[in-house]
Amino acid sequence: GSCQGERWGRLHEALLEASQEEYLENFSPAMFELTQYEIFEWFKANYRDCVEGLLSMVLYLSLIMDERRASLLDLASRAARELNPLALRSGQSTWPFFGLLEQLQLVWQAGQHAAP
């Protein structure tokens, strides 16, 4: 995915801002705006255009929303499976992953998700 388009651009800016320390516990206002139901559904529907962007967003939400953390991390795991795990871990991405990649089950076996 190329992450082209205004919405992905706004999301990237908002997530970079959200990765500042003050927003790791308090919901970043820019992110709050971008995760309103309709916009969030748009990101989920179009995530193949920017899997890293969706992954970054969902990881951030998992930090902020304790009560939804398990389901968000599950969604993040599914998104991450579309990406190359070595590329993800290499730190080449411009998207912040909030130190949470290790919590995802980035294990592939012949294209199948391996059991933990």
PDB file of N, CA and C in Angstrom:
ATOM      1  N   GLY A   1       0.822  -1.201   0.000  1.00  0.00           N
ATOM      2  CA  GLY A   1       0.000   0.000   0.000  1.00  0.00           C
ATOM      3  C   GLY A   1       0.854   1.248   0.000  1.00  0.00           C
ATOM      4  N   SER A   2       0.348   2.295  -0.580  1.00  0.00           N
ATOM      5  CA  SER A   2       1.170   3.487  -0.750  1.00  0.00           C
ATOM      6  C   SER A   2       0.825   4.585   0.250  1.00  0.00           C
ATOM      7  N   CYS A   3      -0.228   4.397   1.001  1.00  0.00           N
ATOM      8  CA  CYS A   3      -0.611   5.389   2.013  1.00  0.00           C
ATOM      9  C   CYS A   3      -0.854   6.765   1.405  1.00  0.00           C
ATOM     10  N   GLN A   4      -1.298   6.795   0.145  1.00  0.00           N
ATOM     11  CA  GLN A   4      -1.585   8.073  -0.496  1.00  0.00           C
ATOM     12  C   GLN A   4      -2.952   8.578  -0.042  1.00  0.00           C
ATOM     13  N   GLY A   5      -3.116   9.869  -0.101  1.00  0.00           N
ATOM     14  CA  GLY A   5      -4.427  10.434   0.180  1.00  0.00           C
ATOM     15  C   GLY A   5      -4.431  11.259   1.450  1.00  0.00           C
ATOM     16  N   GLU A   6      -5.378  12.183   1.490  1.00  0.00           N
ATOM     17  CA  GLU A   6      -5.419  13.150   2.582  1.00  0.00           C
ATOM     18  C   GLU A   6      -5.650  12.483   3.934  1.00  0.00           C
ATOM     19  N   ARG A   7      -6.538  11.487   3.972  1.00  0.00           N
ATOM     20  CA  ARG A   7      -6.849  10.879   5.277  1.00  0.00           C
ATOM     21  C   ARG A   7      -5.646  10.153   5.855  1.00  0.00           C
ATOM     22  N   TRP A   8      -4.934   9.420   5.009  1.00  0.00           N
ATOM     23  CA  TRP A   8      -3.746   8.722   5.521  1.00  0.00           C
ATOM     24  C   TRP A   8      -2.687   9.736   5.959  1.00  0.00           C
ATOM     25  N   GLY A   9      -2.589  10.831   5.222  1.00  0.00           N
ATOM     26  CA  GLY A   9      -1.637  11.878   5.600  1.00  0.00           C
ATOM     27  C   GLY A   9      -1.967  12.476   6.954  1.00  0.00           C
ATOM     28  N   ARG A  10      -3.248  12.748   7.152  1.00  0.00           N
ATOM     29  CA  ARG A  10      -3.665  13.302   8.450  1.00  0.00           C
ATOM     30  C   ARG A  10      -3.427  12.298   9.563  1.00  0.00           C
ATOM     31  N   LEU A  11      -3.689  11.027   9.266  1.00  0.00           N
ATOM     32  CA  LEU A  11      -3.480   9.993  10.279  1.00  0.00           C
ATOM     33  C   LEU A  11      -2.001   9.902  10.649  1.00  0.00           C
ATOM     34  N   HIS A  12      -1.132   9.967   9.638  1.00  0.00           N
ATOM     35  CA  HIS A  12       0.310   9.884   9.891  1.00  0.00           C
ATOM     36  C   HIS A  12       0.757  11.023  10.800  1.00  0.00           C
ATOM     37  N   GLU A  13       0.330  12.231  10.480  1.00  0.00           N
ATOM     38  CA  GLU A  13       0.684  13.386  11.317  1.00  0.00           C
ATOM     39  C   GLU A  13       0.154  13.217  12.732  1.00  0.00           C
ATOM     40  N   ALA A  14      -1.102  12.765  12.844  1.00  0.00           N
ATOM     41  CA  ALA A  14      -1.717  12.620  14.163  1.00  0.00           C
ATOM     42  C   ALA A  14      -1.000  11.558  14.988  1.00  0.00           C
ATOM     43  N   LEU A  15      -0.577  10.459  14.338  1.00  0.00           N
ATOM     44  CA  LEU A  15       0.092   9.393  15.077  1.00  0.00           C
ATOM     45  C   LEU A  15       1.492   9.807  15.497  1.00  0.00           C
ATOM     46  N   LEU A  16       2.182  10.570  14.650  1.00  0.00           N
ATOM     47  CA  LEU A  16       3.505  11.051  15.052  1.00  0.00           C
ATOM     48  C   LEU A  16       3.371  11.959  16.262  1.00  0.00           C
ATOM     49  N   GLU A  17       2.325  12.802  16.249  1.00  0.00           N
ATOM     50  CA  GLU A  17       2.076  13.662  17.404  1.00  0.00           C
ATOM     51  C   GLU A  17       1.701  12.811  18.625  1.00  0.00           C
ATOM     52  N   ALA A  18       0.882  11.778  18.372  1.00  0.00           N
ATOM     53  CA  ALA A  18       0.409  10.943  19.480  1.00  0.00           C
ATOM     54  C   ALA A  18       1.537  10.132  20.105  1.00  0.00           C
ATOM     55  N   SER A  19       2.639   9.956  19.373  1.00  0.00           N
ATOM     56  CA  SER A  19       3.733   9.171  19.937  1.00  0.00           C
ATOM     57  C   SER A  19       4.594  10.003  20.890  1.00  0.00           C
ATOM     58  N   GLN A  20       4.274  11.296  21.040  1.00  0.00           N
ATOM     59  CA  GLN A  20       4.925  12.100  22.081  1.00  0.00           C
ATOM     60  C   GLN A  20       4.423  11.611  23.436  1.00  0.00           C
ATOM     61  N   GLU A  21       5.275  11.730  24.413  1.00  0.00           N
ATOM     62  CA  GLU A  21       4.965  11.114  25.705  1.00  0.00           C
ATOM     63  C   GLU A  21       3.623  11.536  26.303  1.00  0.00           C
ATOM     64  N   GLU A  22       3.269  12.803  26.145  1.00  0.00           N
ATOM     65  CA  GLU A  22       2.051  13.289  26.818  1.00  0.00           C
ATOM     66  C   GLU A  22       0.790  12.606  26.309  1.00  0.00           C
ATOM     67  N   TYR A  23       0.848  12.027  25.098  1.00  0.00           N
ATOM     68  CA  TYR A  23      -0.357  11.415  24.533  1.00  0.00           C
ATOM     69  C   TYR A  23      -0.365   9.901  24.655  1.00  0.00           C
ATOM     70  N   LEU A  24       0.612   9.339  25.344  1.00  0.00           N
ATOM     71  CA  LEU A  24       0.620   7.885  25.472  1.00  0.00           C
ATOM     72  C   LEU A  24      -0.357   7.428  26.542  1.00  0.00           C
ATOM     73  N   GLU A  25      -0.816   8.349  27.378  1.00  0.00           N
ATOM     74  CA  GLU A  25      -1.818   7.978  28.375  1.00  0.00           C
ATOM     75  C   GLU A  25      -3.103   8.778  28.206  1.00  0.00           C
ATOM     76  N   ASN A  26      -2.986   9.948  27.596  1.00  0.00           N
ATOM     77  CA  ASN A  26      -4.170  10.780  27.357  1.00  0.00           C
ATOM     78  C   ASN A  26      -4.442  10.789  25.866  1.00  0.00           C
ATOM     79  N   PHE A  27      -5.678  10.560  25.506  1.00  0.00           N
ATOM     80  CA  PHE A  27      -6.043  10.458  24.099  1.00  0.00           C
ATOM     81  C   PHE A  27      -5.658  11.737  23.353  1.00  0.00           C
ATOM     82  N   SER A  28      -4.831  11.609  22.343  1.00  0.00           N
ATOM     83  CA  SER A  28      -4.465  12.766  21.531  1.00  0.00           C
ATOM     84  C   SER A  28      -5.717  13.326  20.849  1.00  0.00           C
ATOM     85  N   PRO A  29      -5.925  14.649  20.924  1.00  0.00           N
ATOM     86  CA  PRO A  29      -7.126  15.242  20.320  1.00  0.00           C
ATOM     87  C   PRO A  29      -7.227  14.943  18.823  1.00  0.00           C
ATOM     88  N   ALA A  30      -6.114  14.982  18.113  1.00  0.00           N
ATOM     89  CA  ALA A  30      -6.140  14.719  16.673  1.00  0.00           C
ATOM     90  C   ALA A  30      -6.549  13.277  16.399  1.00  0.00           C
ATOM     91  N   MET A  31      -6.055  12.360  17.229  1.00  0.00           N
ATOM     92  CA  MET A  31      -6.414  10.958  17.041  1.00  0.00           C
ATOM     93  C   MET A  31      -7.869  10.714  17.421  1.00  0.00           C
ATOM     94  N   PHE A  32      -8.311  11.418  18.455  1.00  0.00           N
ATOM     95  CA  PHE A  32      -9.710  11.252  18.861  1.00  0.00           C
ATOM     96  C   PHE A  32     -10.631  11.601  17.699  1.00  0.00           C
ATOM     97  N   GLU A  33     -10.282  12.690  17.007  1.00  0.00           N
ATOM     98  CA  GLU A  33     -11.085  13.133  15.869  1.00  0.00           C
ATOM     99  C   GLU A  33     -11.071  12.080  14.749  1.00  0.00           C
ATOM    100  N   LEU A  34      -9.906  11.473  14.509  1.00  0.00           N
ATOM    101  CA  LEU A  34      -9.768  10.535  13.396  1.00  0.00           C
ATOM    102  C   LEU A  34     -10.332   9.152  13.712  1.00  0.00           C
ATOM    103  N   THR A  35     -10.695   8.915  14.965  1.00  0.00           N
ATOM    104  CA  THR A  35     -11.228   7.593  15.291  1.00  0.00           C
ATOM    105  C   THR A  35     -12.727   7.642  15.560  1.00  0.00           C
ATOM    106  N   GLN A  36     -13.363   8.730  15.184  1.00  0.00           N
ATOM    107  CA  GLN A  36     -14.829   8.752  15.223  1.00  0.00           C
ATOM    108  C   GLN A  36     -15.337   7.650  14.304  1.00  0.00           C
ATOM    109  N   TYR A  37     -16.499   7.120  14.607  1.00  0.00           N
ATOM    110  CA  TYR A  37     -16.961   5.884  13.983  1.00  0.00           C
ATOM    111  C   TYR A  37     -16.821   5.854  12.456  1.00  0.00           C
ATOM    112  N   GLU A  38     -17.348   6.868  11.776  1.00  0.00           N
ATOM    113  CA  GLU A  38     -17.354   6.807  10.312  1.00  0.00           C
ATOM    114  C   GLU A  38     -15.953   6.816   9.735  1.00  0.00           C
ATOM    115  N   ILE A  39     -15.081   7.635  10.300  1.00  0.00           N
ATOM    116  CA  ILE A  39     -13.714   7.719   9.774  1.00  0.00           C
ATOM    117  C   ILE A  39     -12.963   6.423  10.079  1.00  0.00           C
ATOM    118  N   PHE A  40     -13.142   5.912  11.286  1.00  0.00           N
ATOM    119  CA  PHE A  40     -12.484   4.661  11.664  1.00  0.00           C
ATOM    120  C   PHE A  40     -12.916   3.534  10.737  1.00  0.00           C
ATOM    121  N   GLU A  41     -14.212   3.491  10.430  1.00  0.00           N
ATOM    122  CA  GLU A  41     -14.708   2.460   9.515  1.00  0.00           C
ATOM    123  C   GLU A  41     -14.091   2.629   8.130  1.00  0.00           C
ATOM    124  N   TRP A  42     -13.867   3.864   7.723  1.00  0.00           N
ATOM    125  CA  TRP A  42     -13.221   4.106   6.423  1.00  0.00           C
ATOM    126  C   TRP A  42     -11.799   3.545   6.433  1.00  0.00           C
ATOM    127  N   PHE A  43     -11.065   3.808   7.506  1.00  0.00           N
ATOM    128  CA  PHE A  43      -9.694   3.292   7.591  1.00  0.00           C
ATOM    129  C   PHE A  43      -9.700   1.766   7.539  1.00  0.00           C
ATOM    130  N   LYS A  44     -10.639   1.165   8.274  1.00  0.00           N
ATOM    131  CA  LYS A  44     -10.683  -0.309   8.271  1.00  0.00           C
ATOM    132  C   LYS A  44     -11.034  -0.844   6.886  1.00  0.00           C
ATOM    133  N   ALA A  45     -11.957  -0.164   6.207  1.00  0.00           N
ATOM    134  CA  ALA A  45     -12.388  -0.632   4.883  1.00  0.00           C
ATOM    135  C   ALA A  45     -11.276  -0.472   3.845  1.00  0.00           C
ATOM    136  N   ASN A  46     -10.431   0.529   4.034  1.00  0.00           N
ATOM    137  CA  ASN A  46      -9.406   0.846   3.036  1.00  0.00           C
ATOM    138  C   ASN A  46      -8.003   0.478   3.501  1.00  0.00           C
ATOM    139  N   TYR A  47      -7.904  -0.370   4.531  1.00  0.00           N
ATOM    140  CA  TYR A  47      -6.598  -0.575   5.153  1.00  0.00           C
ATOM    141  C   TYR A  47      -5.563  -1.157   4.207  1.00  0.00           C
ATOM    142  N   ARG A  48      -6.010  -1.853   3.150  1.00  0.00           N
ATOM    143  CA  ARG A  48      -5.012  -2.429   2.241  1.00  0.00           C
ATOM    144  C   ARG A  48      -4.219  -1.359   1.505  1.00  0.00           C
ATOM    145  N   ASP A  49      -4.759  -0.133   1.483  1.00  0.00           N
ATOM    146  CA  ASP A  49      -4.011   0.969   0.874  1.00  0.00           C
ATOM    147  C   ASP A  49      -2.863   1.408   1.768  1.00  0.00           C
ATOM    148  N   CYS A  50      -2.934   1.028   3.030  1.00  0.00           N
ATOM    149  CA  CYS A  50      -1.929   1.525   3.975  1.00  0.00           C
ATOM    150  C   CYS A  50      -1.964   0.662   5.240  1.00  0.00           C
ATOM    151  N   VAL A  51      -1.505  -0.591   5.103  1.00  0.00           N
ATOM    152  CA  VAL A  51      -1.584  -1.519   6.233  1.00  0.00           C
ATOM    153  C   VAL A  51      -0.798  -0.984   7.430  1.00  0.00           C
ATOM    154  N   GLU A  52       0.372  -0.402   7.163  1.00  0.00           N
ATOM    155  CA  GLU A  52       1.180   0.111   8.272  1.00  0.00           C
ATOM    156  C   GLU A  52       0.446   1.216   9.028  1.00  0.00           C
ATOM    157  N   GLY A  53      -0.311   2.027   8.286  1.00  0.00           N
ATOM    158  CA  GLY A  53      -1.065   3.097   8.930  1.00  0.00           C
ATOM    159  C   GLY A  53      -2.136   2.549   9.850  1.00  0.00           C
ATOM    160  N   LEU A  54      -2.876   1.549   9.363  1.00  0.00           N
ATOM    161  CA  LEU A  54      -3.904   0.947  10.213  1.00  0.00           C
ATOM    162  C   LEU A  54      -3.253   0.295  11.430  1.00  0.00           C
ATOM    163  N   LEU A  55      -2.146  -0.400  11.202  1.00  0.00           N
ATOM    164  CA  LEU A  55      -1.456  -1.073  12.304  1.00  0.00           C
ATOM    165  C   LEU A  55      -1.028  -0.060  13.365  1.00  0.00           C
ATOM    166  N   SER A  56      -0.442   1.036  12.909  1.00  0.00           N
ATOM    167  CA  SER A  56       0.006   2.075  13.833  1.00  0.00           C
ATOM    168  C   SER A  56      -1.175   2.632  14.631  1.00  0.00           C
ATOM    169  N   MET A  57      -2.282   2.907  13.935  1.00  0.00           N
ATOM    170  CA  MET A  57      -3.457   3.456  14.600  1.00  0.00           C
ATOM    171  C   MET A  57      -4.009   2.485  15.639  1.00  0.00           C
ATOM    172  N   VAL A  58      -4.132   1.216  15.261  1.00  0.00           N
ATOM    173  CA  VAL A  58      -4.734   0.234  16.166  1.00  0.00           C
ATOM    174  C   VAL A  58      -3.835   0.004  17.381  1.00  0.00           C
ATOM    175  N   LEU A  59      -2.519   0.017  17.177  1.00  0.00           N
ATOM    176  CA  LEU A  59      -1.610  -0.139  18.314  1.00  0.00           C
ATOM    177  C   LEU A  59      -1.747   1.049  19.272  1.00  0.00           C
ATOM    178  N   TYR A  60      -1.874   2.243  18.706  1.00  0.00           N
ATOM    179  CA  TYR A  60      -2.059   3.403  19.571  1.00  0.00           C
ATOM    180  C   TYR A  60      -3.349   3.269  20.381  1.00  0.00           C
ATOM    181  N   LEU A  61      -4.428   2.891  19.705  1.00  0.00           N
ATOM    182  CA  LEU A  61      -5.712   2.754  20.403  1.00  0.00           C
ATOM    183  C   LEU A  61      -5.630   1.702  21.505  1.00  0.00           C
ATOM    184  N   SER A  62      -4.835   0.644  21.265  1.00  0.00           N
ATOM    185  CA  SER A  62      -4.731  -0.406  22.283  1.00  0.00           C
ATOM    186  C   SER A  62      -4.041   0.120  23.545  1.00  0.00           C
ATOM    187  N   LEU A  63      -3.208   1.139  23.382  1.00  0.00           N
ATOM    188  CA  LEU A  63      -2.563   1.749  24.555  1.00  0.00           C
ATOM    189  C   LEU A  63      -3.565   2.573  25.353  1.00  0.00           C
ATOM    190  N   ILE A  64      -4.470   3.231  24.638  1.00  0.00           N
ATOM    191  CA  ILE A  64      -5.367   4.203  25.259  1.00  0.00           C
ATOM    192  C   ILE A  64      -6.623   3.535  25.813  1.00  0.00           C
ATOM    193  N   MET A  65      -7.119   2.532  25.080  1.00  0.00           N
ATOM    194  CA  MET A  65      -8.404   1.924  25.433  1.00  0.00           C
ATOM    195  C   MET A  65      -8.196   0.578  26.113  1.00  0.00           C
ATOM    196  N   ASP A  66      -7.985   0.610  27.401  1.00  0.00           N
ATOM    197  CA  ASP A  66      -7.719  -0.627  28.132  1.00  0.00           C
ATOM    198  C   ASP A  66      -8.781  -1.690  27.891  1.00  0.00           C
ATOM    199  N   GLU A  67     -10.028  -1.244  27.890  1.00  0.00           N
ATOM    200  CA  GLU A  67     -11.116  -2.221  27.850  1.00  0.00           C
ATOM    201  C   GLU A  67     -11.215  -2.909  26.488  1.00  0.00           C
ATOM    202  N   ARG A  68     -10.608  -2.306  25.466  1.00  0.00           N
ATOM    203  CA  ARG A  68     -10.667  -2.921  24.138  1.00  0.00           C
ATOM    204  C   ARG A  68      -9.314  -3.461  23.691  1.00  0.00           C
ATOM    205  N   ARG A  69      -8.349  -3.468  24.609  1.00  0.00           N
ATOM    206  CA  ARG A  69      -6.975  -3.807  24.203  1.00  0.00           C
ATOM    207  C   ARG A  69      -6.881  -5.164  23.521  1.00  0.00           C
ATOM    208  N   ALA A  70      -7.523  -6.194  24.078  1.00  0.00           N
ATOM    209  CA  ALA A  70      -7.382  -7.537  23.510  1.00  0.00           C
ATOM    210  C   ALA A  70      -7.905  -7.588  22.076  1.00  0.00           C
ATOM    211  N   SER A  71      -9.086  -7.007  21.842  1.00  0.00           N
ATOM    212  CA  SER A  71      -9.640  -7.077  20.486  1.00  0.00           C
ATOM    213  C   SER A  71      -8.836  -6.207  19.527  1.00  0.00           C
ATOM    214  N   LEU A  72      -8.299  -5.083  20.026  1.00  0.00           N
ATOM    215  CA  LEU A  72      -7.490  -4.220  19.158  1.00  0.00           C
ATOM    216  C   LEU A  72      -6.173  -4.899  18.794  1.00  0.00           C
ATOM    217  N   LEU A  73      -5.559  -5.574  19.766  1.00  0.00           N
ATOM    218  CA  LEU A  73      -4.300  -6.266  19.461  1.00  0.00           C
ATOM    219  C   LEU A  73      -4.541  -7.421  18.493  1.00  0.00           C
ATOM    220  N   ASP A  74      -5.723  -8.031  18.592  1.00  0.00           N
ATOM    221  CA  ASP A  74      -6.056  -9.092  17.644  1.00  0.00           C
ATOM    222  C   ASP A  74      -6.185  -8.519  16.233  1.00  0.00           C
ATOM    223  N   LEU A  75      -6.855  -7.374  16.128  1.00  0.00           N
ATOM    224  CA  LEU A  75      -6.974  -6.696  14.839  1.00  0.00           C
ATOM    225  C   LEU A  75      -5.591  -6.309  14.316  1.00  0.00           C
ATOM    226  N   ALA A  76      -4.734  -5.827  15.209  1.00  0.00           N
ATOM    227  CA  ALA A  76      -3.377  -5.443  14.811  1.00  0.00           C
ATOM    228  C   ALA A  76      -2.601  -6.656  14.304  1.00  0.00           C
ATOM    229  N   SER A  77      -2.768  -7.799  14.973  1.00  0.00           N
ATOM    230  CA  SER A  77      -2.070  -9.010  14.539  1.00  0.00           C
ATOM    231  C   SER A  77      -2.489  -9.396  13.124  1.00  0.00           C
ATOM    232  N   ARG A  78      -3.798  -9.265  12.872  1.00  0.00           N
ATOM    233  CA  ARG A  78      -4.290  -9.629  11.538  1.00  0.00           C
ATOM    234  C   ARG A  78      -3.753  -8.665  10.481  1.00  0.00           C
ATOM    235  N   ALA A  79      -3.691  -7.388  10.816  1.00  0.00           N
ATOM    236  CA  ALA A  79      -3.146  -6.411   9.865  1.00  0.00           C
ATOM    237  C   ALA A  79      -1.655  -6.675   9.637  1.00  0.00           C
ATOM    238  N   ALA A  80      -0.947  -6.979  10.724  1.00  0.00           N
ATOM    239  CA  ALA A  80       0.505  -7.173  10.621  1.00  0.00           C
ATOM    240  C   ALA A  80       0.849  -8.364   9.740  1.00  0.00           C
ATOM    241  N   ARG A  81      -0.053  -9.332   9.686  1.00  0.00           N
ATOM    242  CA  ARG A  81       0.214 -10.503   8.865  1.00  0.00           C
ATOM    243  C   ARG A  81       0.318 -10.178   7.386  1.00  0.00           C
ATOM    244  N   GLU A  82      -0.221  -9.003   7.009  1.00  0.00           N
ATOM    245  CA  GLU A  82      -0.136  -8.594   5.603  1.00  0.00           C
ATOM    246  C   GLU A  82       1.237  -8.008   5.281  1.00  0.00           C
ATOM    247  N   LEU A  83       2.025  -7.777   6.311  1.00  0.00           N
ATOM    248  CA  LEU A  83       3.318  -7.124   6.125  1.00  0.00           C
ATOM    249  C   LEU A  83       4.441  -8.125   6.336  1.00  0.00           C
ATOM    250  N   ASN A  84       5.613  -7.758   5.885  1.00  0.00           N
ATOM    251  CA  ASN A  84       6.794  -8.583   6.088  1.00  0.00           C
ATOM    252  C   ASN A  84       7.311  -8.337   7.508  1.00  0.00           C
ATOM    253  N   PRO A  85       7.371  -9.379   8.342  1.00  0.00           N
ATOM    254  CA  PRO A  85       7.759  -9.160   9.751  1.00  0.00           C
ATOM    255  C   PRO A  85       9.171  -8.608   9.898  1.00  0.00           C
ATOM    256  N   LEU A  86      10.065  -9.015   9.006  1.00  0.00           N
ATOM    257  CA  LEU A  86      11.438  -8.504   9.102  1.00  0.00           C
ATOM    258  C   LEU A  86      11.475  -7.023   8.765  1.00  0.00           C
ATOM    259  N   ALA A  87      10.706  -6.646   7.752  1.00  0.00           N
ATOM    260  CA  ALA A  87      10.653  -5.229   7.389  1.00  0.00           C
ATOM    261  C   ALA A  87      10.044  -4.420   8.531  1.00  0.00           C
ATOM    262  N   LEU A  88       9.018  -4.977   9.159  1.00  0.00           N
ATOM    263  CA  LEU A  88       8.376  -4.279  10.272  1.00  0.00           C
ATOM    264  C   LEU A  88       9.376  -4.040  11.397  1.00  0.00           C
ATOM    265  N   ARG A  89      10.129  -5.079  11.721  1.00  0.00           N
ATOM    266  CA  ARG A  89      11.025  -4.980  12.873  1.00  0.00           C
ATOM    267  C   ARG A  89      12.277  -4.181  12.572  1.00  0.00           C
ATOM    268  N   SER A  90      12.554  -3.986  11.277  1.00  0.00           N
ATOM    269  CA  SER A  90      13.806  -3.308  10.922  1.00  0.00           C
ATOM    270  C   SER A  90      13.769  -1.825  11.248  1.00  0.00           C
ATOM    271  N   GLY A  91      12.555  -1.329  11.546  1.00  0.00           N
ATOM    272  CA  GLY A  91      12.455   0.080  11.895  1.00  0.00           C
ATOM    273  C   GLY A  91      12.482   0.999  10.684  1.00  0.00           C
ATOM    274  N   GLN A  92      12.258   0.444   9.482  1.00  0.00           N
ATOM    275  CA  GLN A  92      12.262   1.273   8.280  1.00  0.00           C
ATOM    276  C   GLN A  92      10.983   2.091   8.148  1.00  0.00           C
ATOM    277  N   SER A  93       9.945   1.666   8.820  1.00  0.00           N
ATOM    278  CA  SER A  93       8.657   2.332   8.648  1.00  0.00           C
ATOM    279  C   SER A  93       8.688   3.736   9.221  1.00  0.00           C
ATOM    280  N   THR A  94       7.962   4.650   8.579  1.00  0.00           N
ATOM    281  CA  THR A  94       7.850   6.007   9.117  1.00  0.00           C
ATOM    282  C   THR A  94       6.696   6.106  10.113  1.00  0.00           C
ATOM    283  N   TRP A  95       5.943   5.008  10.275  1.00  0.00           N
ATOM    284  CA  TRP A  95       4.810   5.009  11.214  1.00  0.00           C
ATOM    285  C   TRP A  95       5.288   4.569  12.591  1.00  0.00           C
ATOM    286  N   PRO A  96       4.805   5.208  13.649  1.00  0.00           N
ATOM    287  CA  PRO A  96       5.193   4.767  14.999  1.00  0.00           C
ATOM    288  C   PRO A  96       4.412   3.506  15.396  1.00  0.00           C
ATOM    289  N   PHE A  97       5.095   2.545  16.017  1.00  0.00           N
ATOM    290  CA  PHE A  97       4.422   1.329  16.472  1.00  0.00           C
ATOM    291  C   PHE A  97       4.396   1.228  17.994  1.00  0.00           C
ATOM    292  N   PHE A  98       4.831   2.286  18.668  1.00  0.00           N
ATOM    293  CA  PHE A  98       4.637   2.423  20.123  1.00  0.00           C
ATOM    294  C   PHE A  98       5.253   1.277  20.925  1.00  0.00           C
ATOM    295  N   GLY A  99       6.294   0.670  20.373  1.00  0.00           N
ATOM    296  CA  GLY A  99       6.970  -0.407  21.102  1.00  0.00           C
ATOM    297  C   GLY A  99       6.135  -1.653  21.286  1.00  0.00           C
ATOM    298  N   LEU A 100       5.075  -1.789  20.485  1.00  0.00           N
ATOM    299  CA  LEU A 100       4.135  -2.889  20.721  1.00  0.00           C
ATOM    300  C   LEU A 100       4.270  -4.045  19.730  1.00  0.00           C
ATOM    301  N   LEU A 101       5.191  -3.941  18.770  1.00  0.00           N
ATOM    302  CA  LEU A 101       5.271  -5.015  17.773  1.00  0.00           C
ATOM    303  C   LEU A 101       5.537  -6.362  18.426  1.00  0.00           C
ATOM    304  N   GLU A 102       6.307  -6.357  19.511  1.00  0.00           N
ATOM    305  CA  GLU A 102       6.633  -7.625  20.160  1.00  0.00           C
ATOM    306  C   GLU A 102       5.394  -8.320  20.717  1.00  0.00           C
ATOM    307  N   GLN A 103       4.352  -7.543  20.990  1.00  0.00           N
ATOM    308  CA  GLN A 103       3.141  -8.156  21.547  1.00  0.00           C
ATOM    309  C   GLN A 103       2.298  -8.838  20.478  1.00  0.00           C
ATOM    310  N   LEU A 104       2.614  -8.536  19.227  1.00  0.00           N
ATOM    311  CA  LEU A 104       1.851  -9.173  18.156  1.00  0.00           C
ATOM    312  C   LEU A 104       2.481 -10.526  17.862  1.00  0.00           C
ATOM    313  N   GLN A 105       1.672 -11.429  17.410  1.00  0.00           N
ATOM    314  CA  GLN A 105       2.216 -12.746  17.102  1.00  0.00           C
ATOM    315  C   GLN A 105       2.698 -12.719  15.668  1.00  0.00           C
ATOM    316  N   LEU A 106       3.903 -12.205  15.482  1.00  0.00           N
ATOM    317  CA  LEU A 106       4.423 -12.055  14.130  1.00  0.00           C
ATOM    318  C   LEU A 106       5.130 -13.343  13.717  1.00  0.00           C
ATOM    319  N   VAL A 107       4.393 -14.395  13.720  1.00  0.00           N
ATOM    320  CA  VAL A 107       4.986 -15.680  13.374  1.00  0.00           C
ATOM    321  C   VAL A 107       4.224 -16.237  12.179  1.00  0.00           C
ATOM    322  N   TRP A 108       4.946 -16.531  11.143  1.00  0.00           N
ATOM    323  CA  TRP A 108       4.317 -17.103   9.946  1.00  0.00           C
ATOM    324  C   TRP A 108       4.874 -18.507   9.750  1.00  0.00           C
ATOM    325  N   GLN A 109       4.004 -19.399   9.357  1.00  0.00           N
ATOM    326  CA  GLN A 109       4.466 -20.718   8.933  1.00  0.00           C
ATOM    327  C   GLN A 109       3.771 -21.006   7.627  1.00  0.00           C
ATOM    328  N   ALA A 110       4.526 -20.988   6.544  1.00  0.00           N
ATOM    329  CA  ALA A 110       3.957 -21.249   5.229  1.00  0.00           C
ATOM    330  C   ALA A 110       2.727 -20.386   4.980  1.00  0.00           C
ATOM    331  N   GLY A 111       2.802 -19.142   5.434  1.00  0.00           N
ATOM    332  CA  GLY A 111       1.709 -18.216   5.178  1.00  0.00           C
ATOM    333  C   GLY A 111       0.560 -18.348   6.166  1.00  0.00           C
ATOM    334  N   GLN A 112       0.619 -19.331   7.027  1.00  0.00           N
ATOM    335  CA  GLN A 112      -0.446 -19.482   8.031  1.00  0.00           C
ATOM    336  C   GLN A 112       0.008 -18.844   9.338  1.00  0.00           C
ATOM    337  N   HIS A 113      -0.955 -18.420  10.105  1.00  0.00           N
ATOM    338  CA  HIS A 113      -0.642 -17.834  11.407  1.00  0.00           C
ATOM    339  C   HIS A 113      -0.317 -18.979  12.358  1.00  0.00           C
ATOM    340  N   ALA A 114       0.869 -18.981  12.875  1.00  0.00           N
ATOM    341  CA  ALA A 114       1.283 -20.090  13.742  1.00  0.00           C
ATOM    342  C   ALA A 114       0.622 -19.956  15.114  1.00  0.00           C
ATOM    343  N   ALA A 115       0.363 -21.065  15.724  1.00  0.00           N
ATOM    344  CA  ALA A 115      -0.165 -21.050  17.091  1.00  0.00           C
ATOM    345  C   ALA A 115       0.923 -20.521  18.015  1.00  0.00           C
ATOM    346  N   PRO A 116       0.556 -19.770  19.035  1.00  0.00           N
ATOM    347  CA  PRO A 116       1.562 -19.228  19.972  1.00  0.00           C
ATOM    348  C   PRO A 116       2.252 -20.341  20.742  1.00  0.00           C
TER     349      PRO A 116
END
